C-alpha atoms as a PDB file:
ATOM      1  CA  MET A   1     -25.057 103.998 -32.249  1.00  0.00           C
ATOM      2  CA  HIS A   2     -24.616 101.050 -34.611  1.00  0.00           C
ATOM      3  CA  ARG A   3     -26.650 101.659 -37.776  1.00  0.00           C
ATOM      4  CA  PRO A   4     -27.271  98.551 -39.891  1.00  0.00           C
ATOM      5  CA  ASP A   5     -28.094  98.787 -43.579  1.00  0.00           C
ATOM      6  CA  PRO A   6     -31.543 100.455 -43.419  1.00  0.00           C
ATOM      7  CA  SER A   7     -32.673  99.896 -46.993  1.00  0.00           C
ATOM      8  CA  GLY A   8     -34.687  96.773 -46.211  1.00  0.00           C
ATOM      9  CA  GLU A   9     -36.333  94.905 -43.371  1.00  0.00           C
ATOM     10  CA  SER A  10     -33.908  92.913 -41.250  1.00  0.00           C
ATOM     11  CA  ARG A  11     -34.199  89.146 -41.086  1.00  0.00           C
ATOM     12  CA  ARG A  12     -34.155  89.621 -37.314  1.00  0.00           C
ATOM     13  CA  SER A  13     -37.237  91.822 -37.254  1.00  0.00           C
ATOM     14  CA  ARG A  14     -39.650  89.502 -39.018  1.00  0.00           C
ATOM     15  CA  GLU A  15     -43.200  89.341 -37.669  1.00  0.00           C
ATOM     16  CA  ASP A  16     -43.193  85.634 -36.812  1.00  0.00           C
ATOM     17  CA  ALA A  17     -41.280  86.329 -33.598  1.00  0.00           C
ATOM     18  CA  PRO A  18     -41.997  84.185 -30.542  1.00  0.00           C
ATOM     19  CA  ASP A  19     -44.325  85.332 -27.797  1.00  0.00           C
ATOM     20  CA  VAL A  20     -42.566  85.926 -24.508  1.00  0.00           C
ATOM     21  CA  GLY A  21     -45.304  87.299 -22.276  1.00  0.00           C
ATOM     22  CA  SER A  22     -46.034  84.219 -20.222  1.00  0.00           C
ATOM     23  CA  SER A  23     -42.737  82.401 -20.627  1.00  0.00           C
ATOM     24  CA  VAL A  24     -40.369  84.793 -18.874  1.00  0.00           C
ATOM     25  CA  ASP A  25     -39.965  84.625 -15.135  1.00  0.00           C
ATOM     26  CA  GLY A  26     -39.981  87.964 -13.372  1.00  0.00           C
ATOM     27  CA  GLY A  27     -36.841  86.980 -11.488  1.00  0.00           C
ATOM     28  CA  VAL A  28     -35.839  87.153  -7.866  1.00  0.00           C
ATOM     29  CA  GLY A  29     -35.993  90.655  -6.477  1.00  0.00           C
ATOM     30  CA  ALA A  30     -38.028  92.091  -9.346  1.00  0.00           C
ATOM     31  CA  SER A  31     -39.587  95.404  -8.302  1.00  0.00           C
ATOM     32  CA  THR A  32     -42.955  96.662  -9.459  1.00  0.00           C
ATOM     33  CA  SER A  33     -42.343 100.148  -8.069  1.00  0.00           C
ATOM     34  CA  ASP A  34     -39.107 101.251  -9.744  1.00  0.00           C
ATOM     35  CA  PRO A  35     -39.463 102.890 -13.188  1.00  0.00           C
ATOM     36  CA  LEU A  36     -38.420 100.734 -16.116  1.00  0.00           C
ATOM     37  CA  ASP A  37     -35.175 101.680 -17.849  1.00  0.00           C
ATOM     38  CA  LEU A  38     -37.308 102.977 -20.700  1.00  0.00           C
ATOM     39  CA  THR A  39     -37.918 106.187 -22.641  1.00  0.00           C
ATOM     40  CA  ILE A  40     -41.428 106.563 -24.074  1.00  0.00           C
ATOM     41  CA  VAL A  41     -41.498 108.888 -27.099  1.00  0.00           C
ATOM     42  CA  ILE A  42     -44.869 110.295 -28.210  1.00  0.00           C
ATOM     43  CA  PRO A  43     -44.773 112.028 -31.632  1.00  0.00           C
ATOM     44  CA  VAL A  44     -47.598 114.590 -31.875  1.00  0.00           C
ATOM     45  CA  LEU A  45     -49.249 117.170 -34.086  1.00  0.00           C
ATOM     46  CA  ASN A  46     -52.429 118.742 -32.691  1.00  0.00           C
ATOM     47  CA  GLU A  47     -53.218 115.817 -30.390  1.00  0.00           C
ATOM     48  CA  ALA A  48     -55.192 117.690 -27.720  1.00  0.00           C
ATOM     49  CA  GLY A  49     -58.003 115.168 -28.069  1.00  0.00           C
ATOM     50  CA  HIS A  50     -55.778 112.199 -27.211  1.00  0.00           C
ATOM     51  CA  LEU A  51     -52.678 113.274 -25.297  1.00  0.00           C
ATOM     52  CA  ALA A  52     -54.168 113.568 -21.809  1.00  0.00           C
ATOM     53  CA  GLY A  53     -55.584 110.040 -22.003  1.00  0.00           C
ATOM     54  CA  CYS A  54     -52.306 108.692 -23.374  1.00  0.00           C
ATOM     55  CA  LEU A  55     -50.282 110.250 -20.533  1.00  0.00           C
ATOM     56  CA  ASP A  56     -52.826 109.148 -17.929  1.00  0.00           C
ATOM     57  CA  ALA A  57     -52.512 105.567 -19.174  1.00  0.00           C
ATOM     58  CA  ILE A  58     -48.712 105.698 -18.882  1.00  0.00           C
ATOM     59  CA  GLY A  59     -49.040 107.039 -15.350  1.00  0.00           C
ATOM     60  CA  SER A  60     -46.224 108.082 -13.028  1.00  0.00           C
ATOM     61  CA  GLY A  61     -43.345 105.797 -12.110  1.00  0.00           C
ATOM     62  CA  PHE A  62     -43.688 103.413 -15.052  1.00  0.00           C
ATOM     63  CA  ALA A  63     -40.871 104.684 -17.324  1.00  0.00           C
ATOM     64  CA  ARG A  64     -37.769 106.693 -16.510  1.00  0.00           C
ATOM     65  CA  LYS A  65     -38.569 109.280 -19.160  1.00  0.00           C
ATOM     66  CA  VAL A  66     -41.457 110.466 -21.351  1.00  0.00           C
ATOM     67  CA  VAL A  67     -40.761 112.738 -24.336  1.00  0.00           C
ATOM     68  CA  ILE A  68     -43.306 114.618 -26.463  1.00  0.00           C
ATOM     69  CA  LEU A  69     -41.963 115.103 -29.996  1.00  0.00           C
ATOM     70  CA  ASP A  70     -43.979 117.887 -31.611  1.00  0.00           C
ATOM     71  CA  SER A  71     -44.316 118.946 -35.256  1.00  0.00           C
ATOM     72  CA  GLY A  72     -45.773 122.409 -34.637  1.00  0.00           C
ATOM     73  CA  SER A  73     -49.054 121.871 -32.809  1.00  0.00           C
ATOM     74  CA  THR A  74     -51.416 124.853 -32.764  1.00  0.00           C
ATOM     75  CA  ASP A  75     -54.017 123.457 -30.365  1.00  0.00           C
ATOM     76  CA  GLU A  76     -53.690 122.792 -26.615  1.00  0.00           C
ATOM     77  CA  THR A  77     -51.241 119.913 -26.996  1.00  0.00           C
ATOM     78  CA  ARG A  78     -48.344 121.791 -25.370  1.00  0.00           C
ATOM     79  CA  GLN A  79     -50.432 122.809 -22.354  1.00  0.00           C
ATOM     80  CA  LEU A  80     -51.588 119.218 -21.827  1.00  0.00           C
ATOM     81  CA  ALA A  81     -47.991 118.013 -21.937  1.00  0.00           C
ATOM     82  CA  ARG A  82     -46.951 120.201 -19.006  1.00  0.00           C
ATOM     83  CA  ARG A  83     -46.643 117.466 -16.433  1.00  0.00           C
ATOM     84  CA  PRO A  84     -43.840 116.428 -14.083  1.00  0.00           C
ATOM     85  CA  GLY A  85     -41.403 114.091 -15.810  1.00  0.00           C
ATOM     86  CA  VAL A  86     -42.607 114.918 -19.347  1.00  0.00           C
ATOM     87  CA  ASP A  87     -40.101 116.579 -21.715  1.00  0.00           C
ATOM     88  CA  TRP A  88     -40.905 118.482 -24.912  1.00  0.00           C
ATOM     89  CA  LEU A  89     -38.960 118.593 -28.197  1.00  0.00           C
ATOM     90  CA  ASP A  90     -39.765 120.539 -31.376  1.00  0.00           C
ATOM     91  CA  PHE A  91     -39.214 118.930 -34.774  1.00  0.00           C
ATOM     92  CA  ARG A  92     -39.289 120.523 -38.221  1.00  0.00           C
ATOM     93  CA  TRP A  93     -39.037 118.308 -41.281  1.00  0.00           C
ATOM     94  CA  ASN A  94     -37.335 119.294 -44.544  1.00  0.00           C
ATOM     95  CA  GLY A  95     -39.110 116.673 -46.663  1.00  0.00           C
ATOM     96  CA  ARG A  96     -36.187 114.253 -46.699  1.00  0.00           C
ATOM     97  CA  PHE A  97     -34.429 111.712 -44.495  1.00  0.00           C
ATOM     98  CA  PRO A  98     -34.433 111.558 -41.509  1.00  0.00           C
ATOM     99  CA  LYS A  99     -38.030 111.740 -40.406  1.00  0.00           C
ATOM    100  CA  LYS A 100     -39.192 112.315 -36.856  1.00  0.00           C
ATOM    101  CA  ARG A 101     -38.324 109.045 -35.111  1.00  0.00           C
ATOM    102  CA  ASN A 102     -34.920 108.558 -36.714  1.00  0.00           C
ATOM    103  CA  TRP A 103     -34.135 112.221 -36.027  1.00  0.00           C
ATOM    104  CA  PHE A 104     -34.864 111.648 -32.357  1.00  0.00           C
ATOM    105  CA  LEU A 105     -32.748 108.486 -32.220  1.00  0.00           C
ATOM    106  CA  ARG A 106     -29.828 110.271 -33.876  1.00  0.00           C
ATOM    107  CA  GLU A 107     -30.013 113.744 -32.361  1.00  0.00           C
ATOM    108  CA  HIS A 108     -31.467 112.963 -28.909  1.00  0.00           C
ATOM    109  CA  THR A 109     -30.332 109.384 -28.279  1.00  0.00           C
ATOM    110  CA  PRO A 110     -32.053 108.162 -25.101  1.00  0.00           C
ATOM    111  CA  GLU A 111     -29.917 107.475 -22.046  1.00  0.00           C
ATOM    112  CA  THR A 112     -32.161 104.556 -21.101  1.00  0.00           C
ATOM    113  CA  ARG A 113     -31.660 100.993 -22.287  1.00  0.00           C
ATOM    114  CA  TRP A 114     -35.032 100.809 -24.060  1.00  0.00           C
ATOM    115  CA  VAL A 115     -37.160 103.124 -26.200  1.00  0.00           C
ATOM    116  CA  LEU A 116     -40.873 102.796 -26.942  1.00  0.00           C
ATOM    117  CA  PHE A 117     -42.492 104.867 -29.695  1.00  0.00           C
ATOM    118  CA  LEU A 118     -46.130 105.441 -28.776  1.00  0.00           C
ATOM    119  CA  ASP A 119     -48.729 107.423 -30.733  1.00  0.00           C
ATOM    120  CA  ALA A 120     -50.952 109.792 -28.777  1.00  0.00           C
ATOM    121  CA  ASP A 121     -54.027 107.698 -29.627  1.00  0.00           C
ATOM    122  CA  GLU A 122     -52.409 104.560 -28.197  1.00  0.00           C
ATOM    123  CA  PHE A 123     -53.172 103.893 -24.538  1.00  0.00           C
ATOM    124  CA  LEU A 124     -51.126 101.473 -22.442  1.00  0.00           C
ATOM    125  CA  THR A 125     -53.286  98.906 -20.670  1.00  0.00           C
ATOM    126  CA  PRO A 126     -52.633  97.548 -17.145  1.00  0.00           C
ATOM    127  CA  ASP A 127     -51.955  94.081 -18.602  1.00  0.00           C
ATOM    128  CA  PHE A 128     -49.409  95.485 -21.055  1.00  0.00           C
ATOM    129  CA  LYS A 129     -47.604  97.423 -18.319  1.00  0.00           C
ATOM    130  CA  GLN A 130     -47.497  94.396 -16.038  1.00  0.00           C
ATOM    131  CA  GLU A 131     -46.116  92.203 -18.802  1.00  0.00           C
ATOM    132  CA  LEU A 132     -43.426  94.755 -19.657  1.00  0.00           C
ATOM    133  CA  ARG A 133     -42.362  94.923 -16.012  1.00  0.00           C
ATOM    134  CA  ARG A 134     -42.106  91.149 -15.968  1.00  0.00           C
ATOM    135  CA  VAL A 135     -40.248  90.778 -19.282  1.00  0.00           C
ATOM    136  CA  LEU A 136     -38.132  93.824 -20.053  1.00  0.00           C
ATOM    137  CA  PRO A 137     -35.476  93.694 -17.287  1.00  0.00           C
ATOM    138  CA  TYR A 138     -34.555  90.060 -18.023  1.00  0.00           C
ATOM    139  CA  THR A 139     -35.008  89.522 -21.746  1.00  0.00           C
ATOM    140  CA  GLY A 140     -32.355  88.552 -24.280  1.00  0.00           C
ATOM    141  CA  TYR A 141     -34.320  90.106 -27.144  1.00  0.00           C
ATOM    142  CA  VAL A 142     -33.330  93.451 -28.672  1.00  0.00           C
ATOM    143  CA  GLY A 143     -36.868  94.386 -29.713  1.00  0.00           C
ATOM    144  CA  PHE A 144     -40.523  93.432 -29.490  1.00  0.00           C
ATOM    145  CA  TRP A 145     -43.491  93.368 -31.827  1.00  0.00           C
ATOM    146  CA  LEU A 146     -46.449  94.989 -30.057  1.00  0.00           C
ATOM    147  CA  ARG A 147     -50.136  94.207 -30.572  1.00  0.00           C
ATOM    148  CA  TYR A 148     -53.016  96.662 -30.534  1.00  0.00           C
ATOM    149  CA  SER A 149     -56.763  96.551 -29.937  1.00  0.00           C
ATOM    150  CA  VAL A 150     -58.440  98.506 -32.745  1.00  0.00           C
ATOM    151  CA  TYR A 151     -61.443 100.761 -32.124  1.00  0.00           C
ATOM    152  CA  PHE A 152     -63.615 101.685 -35.109  1.00  0.00           C
ATOM    153  CA  LEU A 153     -66.923 103.551 -35.157  1.00  0.00           C
ATOM    154  CA  GLU A 154     -66.636 103.906 -31.359  1.00  0.00           C
ATOM    155  CA  ARG A 155     -66.396 100.178 -30.683  1.00  0.00           C
ATOM    156  CA  LYS A 156     -63.622  97.704 -30.060  1.00  0.00           C
ATOM    157  CA  LEU A 157     -63.274  95.332 -32.992  1.00  0.00           C
ATOM    158  CA  LYS A 158     -63.129  91.598 -32.376  1.00  0.00           C
ATOM    159  CA  GLY A 159     -61.806  90.774 -35.844  1.00  0.00           C
ATOM    160  CA  GLY A 160     -60.285  92.398 -38.907  1.00  0.00           C
ATOM    161  CA  TYR A 161     -56.619  92.657 -39.808  1.00  0.00           C
ATOM    162  CA  PRO A 162     -54.517  92.551 -36.636  1.00  0.00           C
ATOM    163  CA  MET A 163     -52.479  95.647 -35.889  1.00  0.00           C
ATOM    164  CA  LYS A 164     -48.831  94.976 -35.004  1.00  0.00           C
ATOM    165  CA  LYS A 165     -45.807  97.265 -34.812  1.00  0.00           C
ATOM    166  CA  LEU A 166     -42.154  96.813 -33.948  1.00  0.00           C
ATOM    167  CA  ALA A 167     -42.161  99.877 -31.703  1.00  0.00           C
ATOM    168  CA  LEU A 168     -40.146  98.778 -28.647  1.00  0.00           C
ATOM    169  CA  PHE A 169     -36.414  98.103 -28.922  1.00  0.00           C
ATOM    170  CA  ARG A 170     -33.060  98.560 -27.256  1.00  0.00           C
ATOM    171  CA  VAL A 171     -31.332 101.883 -27.795  1.00  0.00           C
ATOM    172  CA  GLY A 172     -28.443 101.325 -30.197  1.00  0.00           C
ATOM    173  CA  ALA A 173     -29.846  98.104 -31.684  1.00  0.00           C
ATOM    174  CA  GLY A 174     -30.842  99.885 -34.888  1.00  0.00           C
ATOM    175  CA  GLU A 175     -33.128 102.519 -36.357  1.00  0.00           C
ATOM    176  CA  TYR A 176     -36.036 102.817 -38.778  1.00  0.00           C
ATOM    177  CA  GLU A 177     -35.242 101.783 -42.334  1.00  0.00           C
ATOM    178  CA  ARG A 178     -33.889 104.534 -44.505  1.00  0.00           C
ATOM    179  CA  ILE A 179     -36.004 105.581 -47.462  1.00  0.00           C
ATOM    180  CA  ASP A 180     -34.623 108.515 -49.432  1.00  0.00           C
ATOM    181  CA  GLU A 181     -37.833 110.262 -50.367  1.00  0.00           C
ATOM    182  CA  ASP A 182     -38.228 113.769 -51.708  1.00  0.00           C
ATOM    183  CA  HIS A 183     -41.458 115.399 -50.507  1.00  0.00           C
ATOM    184  CA  TRP A 184     -43.608 112.391 -51.433  1.00  0.00           C
ATOM    185  CA  SER A 185     -46.189 113.524 -48.904  1.00  0.00           C
ATOM    186  CA  SER A 186     -46.613 115.702 -45.833  1.00  0.00           C
ATOM    187  CA  LEU A 187     -46.000 112.695 -43.555  1.00  0.00           C
ATOM    188  CA  ASP A 188     -43.068 113.805 -41.405  1.00  0.00           C
ATOM    189  CA  MET A 189     -42.977 110.617 -39.332  1.00  0.00           C
ATOM    190  CA  GLU A 190     -42.114 107.007 -40.144  1.00  0.00           C
ATOM    191  CA  VAL A 191     -45.455 105.238 -40.546  1.00  0.00           C
ATOM    192  CA  HIS A 192     -44.894 102.054 -42.548  1.00  0.00           C
ATOM    193  CA  GLU A 193     -41.115 101.933 -42.171  1.00  0.00           C
ATOM    194  CA  HIS A 194     -39.939  99.188 -39.805  1.00  0.00           C
ATOM    195  CA  PRO A 195     -36.983  99.399 -37.448  1.00  0.00           C
ATOM    196  CA  VAL A 196     -34.017  97.399 -38.759  1.00  0.00           C
ATOM    197  CA  LEU A 197     -32.511  95.716 -35.704  1.00  0.00           C
ATOM    198  CA  GLU A 198     -29.404  93.624 -35.092  1.00  0.00           C
ATOM    199  CA  GLY A 199     -30.457  90.770 -32.837  1.00  0.00           C
ATOM    200  CA  PRO A 200     -33.408  88.518 -31.973  1.00  0.00           C
ATOM    201  CA  VAL A 201     -36.911  89.977 -31.758  1.00  0.00           C
ATOM    202  CA  GLY A 202     -39.800  88.767 -29.594  1.00  0.00           C
ATOM    203  CA  SER A 203     -43.474  89.616 -29.239  1.00  0.00           C
ATOM    204  CA  ILE A 204     -45.481  91.013 -26.313  1.00  0.00           C
ATOM    205  CA  ARG A 205     -48.832  89.253 -25.909  1.00  0.00           C
ATOM    206  CA  SER A 206     -50.807  91.907 -24.016  1.00  0.00           C
ATOM    207  CA  LYS A 207     -52.339  94.578 -26.216  1.00  0.00           C
ATOM    208  CA  ILE A 208     -52.217  98.374 -26.298  1.00  0.00           C
ATOM    209  CA  ASP A 209     -55.534 100.129 -26.956  1.00  0.00           C
ATOM    210  CA  HIS A 210     -55.552 102.086 -30.233  1.00  0.00           C
ATOM    211  CA  ARG A 211     -58.349 104.642 -29.856  1.00  0.00           C
ATOM    212  CA  ASP A 212     -58.435 107.127 -32.739  1.00  0.00           C
ATOM    213  CA  MET A 213     -61.171 109.596 -31.783  1.00  0.00           C
ATOM    214  CA  ARG A 214     -60.771 111.949 -34.758  1.00  0.00           C
ATOM    215  CA  GLY A 215     -63.598 110.412 -36.781  1.00  0.00           C
ATOM    216  CA  ILE A 216     -63.984 108.774 -40.164  1.00  0.00           C
ATOM    217  CA  GLY A 217     -63.064 111.925 -42.121  1.00  0.00           C
ATOM    218  CA  SER A 218     -59.633 112.016 -40.526  1.00  0.00           C
ATOM    219  CA  TYR A 219     -59.195 108.280 -41.060  1.00  0.00           C
ATOM    220  CA  MET A 220     -59.891 108.563 -44.785  1.00  0.00           C
ATOM    221  CA  ALA A 221     -57.714 111.652 -45.284  1.00  0.00           C
ATOM    222  CA  LYS A 222     -54.839 110.011 -43.432  1.00  0.00           C
ATOM    223  CA  HIS A 223     -55.054 106.859 -45.527  1.00  0.00           C
ATOM    224  CA  ALA A 224     -55.133 108.902 -48.730  1.00  0.00           C
ATOM    225  CA  GLU A 225     -51.743 110.304 -47.651  1.00  0.00           C
ATOM    226  CA  TYR A 226     -50.518 106.807 -46.813  1.00  0.00           C
ATOM    227  CA  ALA A 227     -51.580 105.561 -50.253  1.00  0.00           C
ATOM    228  CA  SER A 228     -49.575 108.282 -52.021  1.00  0.00           C
ATOM    229  CA  TRP A 229     -46.519 107.467 -49.945  1.00  0.00           C
ATOM    230  CA  GLU A 230     -46.869 103.693 -50.436  1.00  0.00           C
ATOM    231  CA  ALA A 231     -47.109 104.112 -54.205  1.00  0.00           C
ATOM    232  CA  ALA A 232     -43.994 106.280 -54.367  1.00  0.00           C
ATOM    233  CA  ARG A 233     -42.101 103.924 -52.093  1.00  0.00           C
ATOM    234  CA  PHE A 234     -43.122 100.891 -54.154  1.00  0.00           C
ATOM    235  CA  LEU A 235     -41.874 102.369 -57.427  1.00  0.00           C
ATOM    236  CA  LYS A 236     -38.580 103.442 -55.866  1.00  0.00           C
ATOM    237  CA  SER A 237     -38.030 100.047 -54.192  1.00  0.00           C
ATOM    238  CA  ALA A 238     -39.154  97.989 -57.199  1.00  0.00           C
ATOM    239  CA  GLY A 239     -36.525  99.711 -59.316  1.00  0.00           C
ATOM    240  CA  ASP A 240     -33.688  98.724 -56.956  1.00  0.00           C
ATOM    241  CA  PRO A 241     -32.600  95.054 -57.260  1.00  0.00           C
ATOM    242  CA  ALA A 242     -30.664  95.243 -53.976  1.00  0.00           C
ATOM    243  CA  VAL A 243     -33.781  96.346 -52.102  1.00  0.00           C
ATOM    244  CA  ARG A 244     -35.971  93.726 -53.803  1.00  0.00           C
ATOM    245  CA  ALA A 245     -33.542  91.006 -52.762  1.00  0.00           C
ATOM    246  CA  ARG A 246     -34.174  91.861 -49.104  1.00  0.00           C
ATOM    247  CA  TRP A 247     -37.964  91.749 -49.284  1.00  0.00           C
ATOM    248  CA  THR A 248     -39.610  89.200 -46.997  1.00  0.00           C
ATOM    249  CA  TRP A 249     -42.125  86.791 -48.508  1.00  0.00           C
ATOM    250  CA  LYS A 250     -44.918  88.924 -47.056  1.00  0.00           C
ATOM    251  CA  GLN A 251     -43.519  92.032 -48.735  1.00  0.00           C
ATOM    252  CA  LYS A 252     -43.130  90.181 -52.034  1.00  0.00           C
ATOM    253  CA  LEU A 253     -46.758  89.048 -51.883  1.00  0.00           C
ATOM    254  CA  LYS A 254     -47.994  92.493 -50.872  1.00  0.00           C
ATOM    255  CA  TYR A 255     -46.117  94.301 -53.644  1.00  0.00           C
ATOM    256  CA  ARG A 256     -47.138  91.745 -56.256  1.00  0.00           C
ATOM    257  CA  LEU A 257     -50.774  92.320 -55.313  1.00  0.00           C
ATOM    258  CA  MET A 258     -50.336  96.094 -55.383  1.00  0.00           C
ATOM    259  CA  ARG A 259     -49.517  95.891 -59.096  1.00  0.00           C
ATOM    260  CA  THR A 260     -52.996  94.509 -59.769  1.00  0.00           C
ATOM    261  CA  PRO A 261     -56.526  95.937 -59.331  1.00  0.00           C
ATOM    262  CA  PHE A 262     -57.340  92.876 -57.214  1.00  0.00           C
ATOM    263  CA  ALA A 263     -55.298  93.959 -54.189  1.00  0.00           C
ATOM    264  CA  GLY A 264     -58.263  95.702 -52.604  1.00  0.00           C
ATOM    265  CA  VAL A 265     -60.527  92.689 -53.106  1.00  0.00           C
ATOM    266  CA  VAL A 266     -57.976  90.336 -51.550  1.00  0.00           C
ATOM    267  CA  TYR A 267     -57.569  92.567 -48.509  1.00  0.00           C
ATOM    268  CA  PHE A 268     -61.338  92.893 -48.132  1.00  0.00           C
ATOM    269  CA  PHE A 269     -61.833  89.129 -47.955  1.00  0.00           C
ATOM    270  CA  GLY A 270     -58.785  88.794 -45.730  1.00  0.00           C
ATOM    271  CA  SER A 271     -60.104  91.325 -43.232  1.00  0.00           C
ATOM    272  CA  TYR A 272     -63.733  90.246 -43.294  1.00  0.00           C
ATOM    273  CA  LEU A 273     -63.506  86.456 -43.663  1.00  0.00           C
ATOM    274  CA  VAL A 274     -60.012  85.201 -42.803  1.00  0.00           C
ATOM    275  CA  TYR A 275     -59.435  87.519 -39.830  1.00  0.00           C
ATOM    276  CA  GLY A 276     -62.992  87.448 -38.535  1.00  0.00           C
ATOM    277  CA  GLY A 277     -64.303  90.900 -39.411  1.00  0.00           C
ATOM    278  CA  TRP A 278     -67.729  89.279 -39.756  1.00  0.00           C
ATOM    279  CA  MET A 279     -67.843  89.003 -35.950  1.00  0.00           C
ATOM    280  CA  ASP A 280     -68.196  92.797 -35.760  1.00  0.00           C
ATOM    281  CA  GLY A 281     -71.299  92.968 -37.940  1.00  0.00           C
ATOM    282  CA  SER A 282     -71.771  96.149 -39.976  1.00  0.00           C
ATOM    283  CA  ALA A 283     -68.719  97.816 -38.384  1.00  0.00           C
ATOM    284  CA  GLY A 284     -66.505  94.901 -39.440  1.00  0.00           C
ATOM    285  CA  PHE A 285     -67.940  95.013 -42.964  1.00  0.00           C
ATOM    286  CA  ALA A 286     -67.316  98.760 -43.221  1.00  0.00           C
ATOM    287  CA  PHE A 287     -63.786  98.353 -41.864  1.00  0.00           C
ATOM    288  CA  ALA A 288     -63.049  95.717 -44.519  1.00  0.00           C
ATOM    289  CA  LEU A 289     -64.478  98.001 -47.234  1.00  0.00           C
ATOM    290  CA  LEU A 290     -62.110 100.783 -46.145  1.00  0.00           C
ATOM    291  CA  LYS A 291     -59.206  98.340 -46.358  1.00  0.00           C
ATOM    292  CA  MET A 292     -60.296  97.514 -49.895  1.00  0.00           C
ATOM    293  CA  SER A 293     -60.531 101.201 -50.756  1.00  0.00           C
ATOM    294  CA  TYR A 294     -57.050 101.884 -49.351  1.00  0.00           C
ATOM    295  CA  PHE A 295     -55.290  99.210 -51.405  1.00  0.00           C
ATOM    296  CA  THR A 296     -57.265 100.123 -54.499  1.00  0.00           C
ATOM    297  CA  GLN A 297     -56.030 103.709 -54.036  1.00  0.00           C
ATOM    298  CA  ILE A 298     -52.451 102.473 -53.886  1.00  0.00           C
ATOM    299  CA  TYR A 299     -52.887 100.564 -57.146  1.00  0.00           C
ATOM    300  CA  CYS A 300     -54.406 103.594 -58.876  1.00  0.00           C
ATOM    301  CA  ARG A 301     -51.645 105.900 -57.625  1.00  0.00           C
ATOM    302  CA  ILE A 302     -48.971 103.492 -58.836  1.00  0.00           C
ATOM    303  CA  ARG A 303     -50.543 103.469 -62.296  1.00  0.00           C
ATOM    304  CA  GLU A 304     -50.866 107.257 -62.225  1.00  0.00           C
ATOM    305  CA  LEU A 305     -47.193 107.743 -61.333  1.00  0.00           C
ATOM    306  CA  GLU A 306     -46.106 105.268 -63.985  1.00  0.00           C
ATOM    307  CA  CYS A 307     -48.113 107.153 -66.622  1.00  0.00           C
ATOM    308  CA  LYS A 308     -46.496 110.443 -65.589  1.00  0.00           C
ATOM    309  CA  ASP A 309     -43.008 108.952 -65.885  1.00  0.00           C
ATOM    310  CA  SER A 310     -43.616 107.315 -69.250  1.00  0.00           C
END
């Protein structure tokens, strides 16, 4: 597999990629019954509350292969994964590169043309599946940004920061960016690392439903882990001129804000006012407050790490 320089985000994988959902003709002879030449990989750790719904949403006959990539689940996740056409792989992380997704791409390279990384709390919608059937067999793109409907406090949000991920790409087009961490956190999977791809990238219009049913306690604990990781990554990247030179303008703005105590305030107003969180009433206000808290945590952790190193 060709592995481009993974230390920064590729120019080809920027988020302002064109939409392709309604502009690509399905083609003569397109079949809606044959499985797509696609491997769906679902990384899990104790996902008994989500996995059945995730697999039900994928359904049978949509993708050639479905793989569960487990980090040592102790609940009923394995039993729920015992379905025809669903494979199981065990993963154990040593605290360093590669993490779960890159390990899969390197050690268990899919035989299909495409790979989709899907979290267990992400449910494919009928519109998304139809659009993929229409687009994927005929596209000239090597990857796609995917969009997600966010559910918070048991309701689907109308506004707030949009959720997008570059989670669907051609096998061999690249891998997730390499970040040489050393036990920064217990996060054994790439979360905020983007795939670095060689080739043009598009965007799928139809959304995937992101339904995290673990509750607000899990949400806050998870984002505390993310904040620790983001702070460590920022300090490592900021100290490397070669990495800084490859930052996109969005990354430059984000990291400049993260050095100030105003990052949380900016993200609050962005989520609540600019991106329409106000349309969701009290839930939208609370969601924006949690965004503010998250980026304020990152700032505080950066300062804390800098004090320890000085």
